[in-house]
C-alpha atoms as a PDB file:
ATOM      1  CA  MET A   1     -91.121 248.334  68.640  1.00  0.00           C
ATOM      2  CA  SER A   2     -89.431 245.016  69.292  1.00  0.00           C
ATOM      3  CA  PHE A   3     -88.930 242.519  66.493  1.00  0.00           C
ATOM      4  CA  CYS A   4     -90.318 239.744  68.722  1.00  0.00           C
ATOM      5  CA  THR A   5     -93.309 241.567  70.215  1.00  0.00           C
ATOM      6  CA  GLY A   6     -96.039 239.165  71.313  1.00  0.00           C
ATOM      7  CA  SER A   7     -93.991 236.025  70.683  1.00  0.00           C
ATOM      8  CA  THR A   8     -93.003 233.406  73.186  1.00  0.00           C
ATOM      9  CA  LEU A   9     -90.269 232.105  70.897  1.00  0.00           C
ATOM     10  CA  ARG A  10     -88.909 233.491  67.648  1.00  0.00           C
ATOM     11  CA  VAL A  11     -86.776 231.418  65.290  1.00  0.00           C
ATOM     12  CA  ASN A  12     -85.819 232.525  61.770  1.00  0.00           C
ATOM     13  CA  THR A  13     -88.414 235.343  61.932  1.00  0.00           C
ATOM     14  CA  LYS A  14     -91.289 232.957  62.760  1.00  0.00           C
ATOM     15  CA  ASP A  15     -93.319 233.204  65.950  1.00  0.00           C
ATOM     16  CA  THR A  16     -94.373 230.204  68.054  1.00  0.00           C
ATOM     17  CA  ALA A  17     -97.755 229.675  66.372  1.00  0.00           C
ATOM     18  CA  THR A  18     -96.187 229.661  62.913  1.00  0.00           C
ATOM     19  CA  LEU A  19     -93.449 227.261  64.010  1.00  0.00           C
ATOM     20  CA  LEU A  20     -95.937 224.816  65.490  1.00  0.00           C
ATOM     21  CA  SER A  21     -97.971 224.741  62.303  1.00  0.00           C
ATOM     22  CA  ASP A  22     -94.941 224.478  60.053  1.00  0.00           C
ATOM     23  CA  ASP A  23     -94.815 221.053  58.354  1.00  0.00           C
ATOM     24  CA  LYS A  24     -91.025 220.928  58.336  1.00  0.00           C
ATOM     25  CA  PHE A  25     -90.978 221.536  62.064  1.00  0.00           C
ATOM     26  CA  MET A  26     -93.534 218.778  62.681  1.00  0.00           C
ATOM     27  CA  ALA A  27     -91.772 216.336  60.345  1.00  0.00           C
ATOM     28  CA  LEU A  28     -88.654 216.501  62.520  1.00  0.00           C
ATOM     29  CA  GLU A  29     -90.562 214.568  65.204  1.00  0.00           C
ATOM     30  CA  GLN A  30     -91.195 211.560  62.920  1.00  0.00           C
ATOM     31  CA  GLU A  31     -89.229 208.511  63.977  1.00  0.00           C
ATOM     32  CA  VAL A  32     -86.760 207.058  61.489  1.00  0.00           C
ATOM     33  CA  ASP A  33     -84.386 204.101  61.588  1.00  0.00           C
ATOM     34  CA  ILE A  34     -80.679 204.757  61.851  1.00  0.00           C
ATOM     35  CA  ILE A  35     -77.628 202.524  61.927  1.00  0.00           C
ATOM     36  CA  PRO A  36     -75.238 204.006  64.531  1.00  0.00           C
ATOM     37  CA  LYS A  37     -71.497 203.825  63.975  1.00  0.00           C
ATOM     38  CA  PHE A  38     -70.831 203.762  67.716  1.00  0.00           C
ATOM     39  CA  SER A  39     -71.949 201.912  70.836  1.00  0.00           C
ATOM     40  CA  SER A  40     -73.111 203.385  74.131  1.00  0.00           C
ATOM     41  CA  GLU A  41     -74.259 201.510  77.200  1.00  0.00           C
ATOM     42  CA  ASP A  42     -76.313 204.385  78.602  1.00  0.00           C
ATOM     43  CA  PRO A  43     -79.131 206.194  76.798  1.00  0.00           C
ATOM     44  CA  ILE A  44     -78.471 209.738  75.625  1.00  0.00           C
ATOM     45  CA  ASP A  45     -80.575 212.166  77.670  1.00  0.00           C
ATOM     46  CA  CYS A  46     -82.151 214.956  75.595  1.00  0.00           C
ATOM     47  CA  ILE A  47     -84.894 217.487  76.283  1.00  0.00           C
ATOM     48  CA  LYS A  48     -87.372 215.341  74.323  1.00  0.00           C
ATOM     49  CA  GLY A  49     -86.470 212.179  76.229  1.00  0.00           C
ATOM     50  CA  LYS A  50     -83.858 209.462  76.346  1.00  0.00           C
ATOM     51  CA  PHE A  51     -82.619 207.734  73.210  1.00  0.00           C
ATOM     52  CA  GLY A  52     -80.575 204.581  73.110  1.00  0.00           C
ATOM     53  CA  PRO A  53     -78.639 202.658  74.215  1.00  0.00           C
ATOM     54  CA  PHE A  54     -76.944 202.507  70.834  1.00  0.00           C
ATOM     55  CA  ARG A  55     -75.221 199.449  69.413  1.00  0.00           C
ATOM     56  CA  ALA A  56     -72.900 199.843  66.434  1.00  0.00           C
ATOM     57  CA  HIS A  57     -74.402 198.457  63.206  1.00  0.00           C
ATOM     58  CA  THR A  58     -77.786 197.700  64.854  1.00  0.00           C
ATOM     59  CA  ALA A  59     -80.886 199.612  63.730  1.00  0.00           C
ATOM     60  CA  ILE A  60     -82.684 201.838  66.234  1.00  0.00           C
ATOM     61  CA  LYS A  61     -85.515 204.364  65.942  1.00  0.00           C
ATOM     62  CA  VAL A  62     -84.877 208.035  66.764  1.00  0.00           C
ATOM     63  CA  PRO A  63     -86.650 211.278  65.807  1.00  0.00           C
ATOM     64  CA  LEU A  64     -85.648 212.760  62.457  1.00  0.00           C
ATOM     65  CA  TRP A  65     -84.008 215.784  64.141  1.00  0.00           C
ATOM     66  CA  ALA A  66     -81.657 213.484  66.093  1.00  0.00           C
ATOM     67  CA  ALA A  67     -80.946 211.361  63.020  1.00  0.00           C
ATOM     68  CA  LEU A  68     -80.044 214.425  60.947  1.00  0.00           C
ATOM     69  CA  GLU A  69     -77.696 215.753  63.630  1.00  0.00           C
ATOM     70  CA  MET A  70     -76.008 212.364  64.118  1.00  0.00           C
ATOM     71  CA  ASP A  71     -75.651 212.023  60.341  1.00  0.00           C
ATOM     72  CA  ARG A  72     -74.090 215.501  60.156  1.00  0.00           C
ATOM     73  CA  LEU A  73     -71.561 214.399  62.792  1.00  0.00           C
ATOM     74  CA  GLN A  74     -70.962 211.165  60.802  1.00  0.00           C
ATOM     75  CA  GLN A  75     -72.120 209.025  63.732  1.00  0.00           C
ATOM     76  CA  CYS A  76     -74.828 207.130  61.830  1.00  0.00           C
ATOM     77  CA  THR A  77     -76.446 206.369  58.509  1.00  0.00           C
ATOM     78  CA  ILE A  78     -80.140 207.054  58.043  1.00  0.00           C
ATOM     79  CA  GLU A  79     -82.162 204.167  56.645  1.00  0.00           C
ATOM     80  CA  LEU A  80     -84.797 204.824  54.000  1.00  0.00           C
ATOM     81  CA  PRO A  81     -88.335 204.429  55.349  1.00  0.00           C
ATOM     82  CA  TYR A  82     -90.063 201.361  53.876  1.00  0.00           C
ATOM     83  CA  TRP A  83     -92.560 203.548  52.005  1.00  0.00           C
ATOM     84  CA  LEU A  84     -89.714 205.320  50.182  1.00  0.00           C
ATOM     85  CA  HIS A  85     -88.211 202.155  48.681  1.00  0.00           C
ATOM     86  CA  GLU A  86     -88.579 201.830  44.914  1.00  0.00           C
ATOM     87  CA  GLU A  87     -90.787 198.721  45.061  1.00  0.00           C
ATOM     88  CA  GLU A  88     -93.241 200.336  47.473  1.00  0.00           C
ATOM     89  CA  LEU A  89     -93.443 203.525  45.384  1.00  0.00           C
ATOM     90  CA  LYS A  90     -94.104 201.452  42.263  1.00  0.00           C
ATOM     91  CA  ARG A  91     -96.819 199.526  44.108  1.00  0.00           C
ATOM     92  CA  LEU A  92     -98.500 202.775  45.155  1.00  0.00           C
ATOM     93  CA  ARG A  93     -98.292 204.079  41.585  1.00  0.00           C
ATOM     94  CA  ASP A  94     -99.789 200.867  40.192  1.00  0.00           C
ATOM     95  CA  ASP A  95    -102.558 200.874  42.812  1.00  0.00           C
ATOM     96  CA  GLU A  96    -103.492 204.421  41.805  1.00  0.00           C
ATOM     97  CA  LYS A  97    -103.604 203.408  38.131  1.00  0.00           C
ATOM     98  CA  ASP A  98    -105.907 200.487  38.946  1.00  0.00           C
ATOM     99  CA  ARG A  99    -109.462 201.149  37.728  1.00  0.00           C
ATOM    100  CA  ALA A 100    -110.915 200.356  41.161  1.00  0.00           C
ATOM    101  CA  ASN A 101    -108.911 203.249  42.661  1.00  0.00           C
ATOM    102  CA  ALA A 102    -109.148 205.643  39.705  1.00  0.00           C
ATOM    103  CA  ASP A 103    -111.161 208.211  41.670  1.00  0.00           C
ATOM    104  CA  ARG A 104    -108.764 208.558  44.633  1.00  0.00           C
ATOM    105  CA  PHE A 105    -105.104 208.797  45.573  1.00  0.00           C
ATOM    106  CA  MET A 106    -103.407 206.142  47.676  1.00  0.00           C
ATOM    107  CA  PRO A 107    -102.499 207.139  51.253  1.00  0.00           C
ATOM    108  CA  VAL A 108     -98.917 208.313  51.867  1.00  0.00           C
ATOM    109  CA  ASN A 109     -96.968 209.405  54.922  1.00  0.00           C
ATOM    110  CA  GLU A 110     -98.186 212.744  56.293  1.00  0.00           C
ATOM    111  CA  HIS A 111     -94.766 214.399  55.917  1.00  0.00           C
ATOM    112  CA  TYR A 112     -93.524 212.509  52.859  1.00  0.00           C
ATOM    113  CA  ILE A 113     -92.100 215.603  51.146  1.00  0.00           C
ATOM    114  CA  GLU A 114     -90.102 216.804  54.153  1.00  0.00           C
ATOM    115  CA  ILE A 115     -88.792 213.337  55.047  1.00  0.00           C
ATOM    116  CA  ALA A 116     -87.860 212.403  51.471  1.00  0.00           C
END
């Protein structure tokens, strides 16, 4: 019996349905801001689409998977999302402590754990 029986795609022992429902997998599609350390006149063509053109030291949005790979290659720095800055986190905490919001949590990014 094959290890991959009934699967269209198998990665790290997970079949396609499991991968698609995996939060880490979905979080990689979230767009984040990066500051590239290089310039390119033409967009970079990937399976998911074209990204760029890139200008050194100018912020641009790319999917998290691309940002992580570029960071690994030391081609960019990843900017913190606004909701992960200390002031914003303190504001959310204070809003939750407020008596008017005592019965509910404040909304956060869907994939806040994976992105953080």
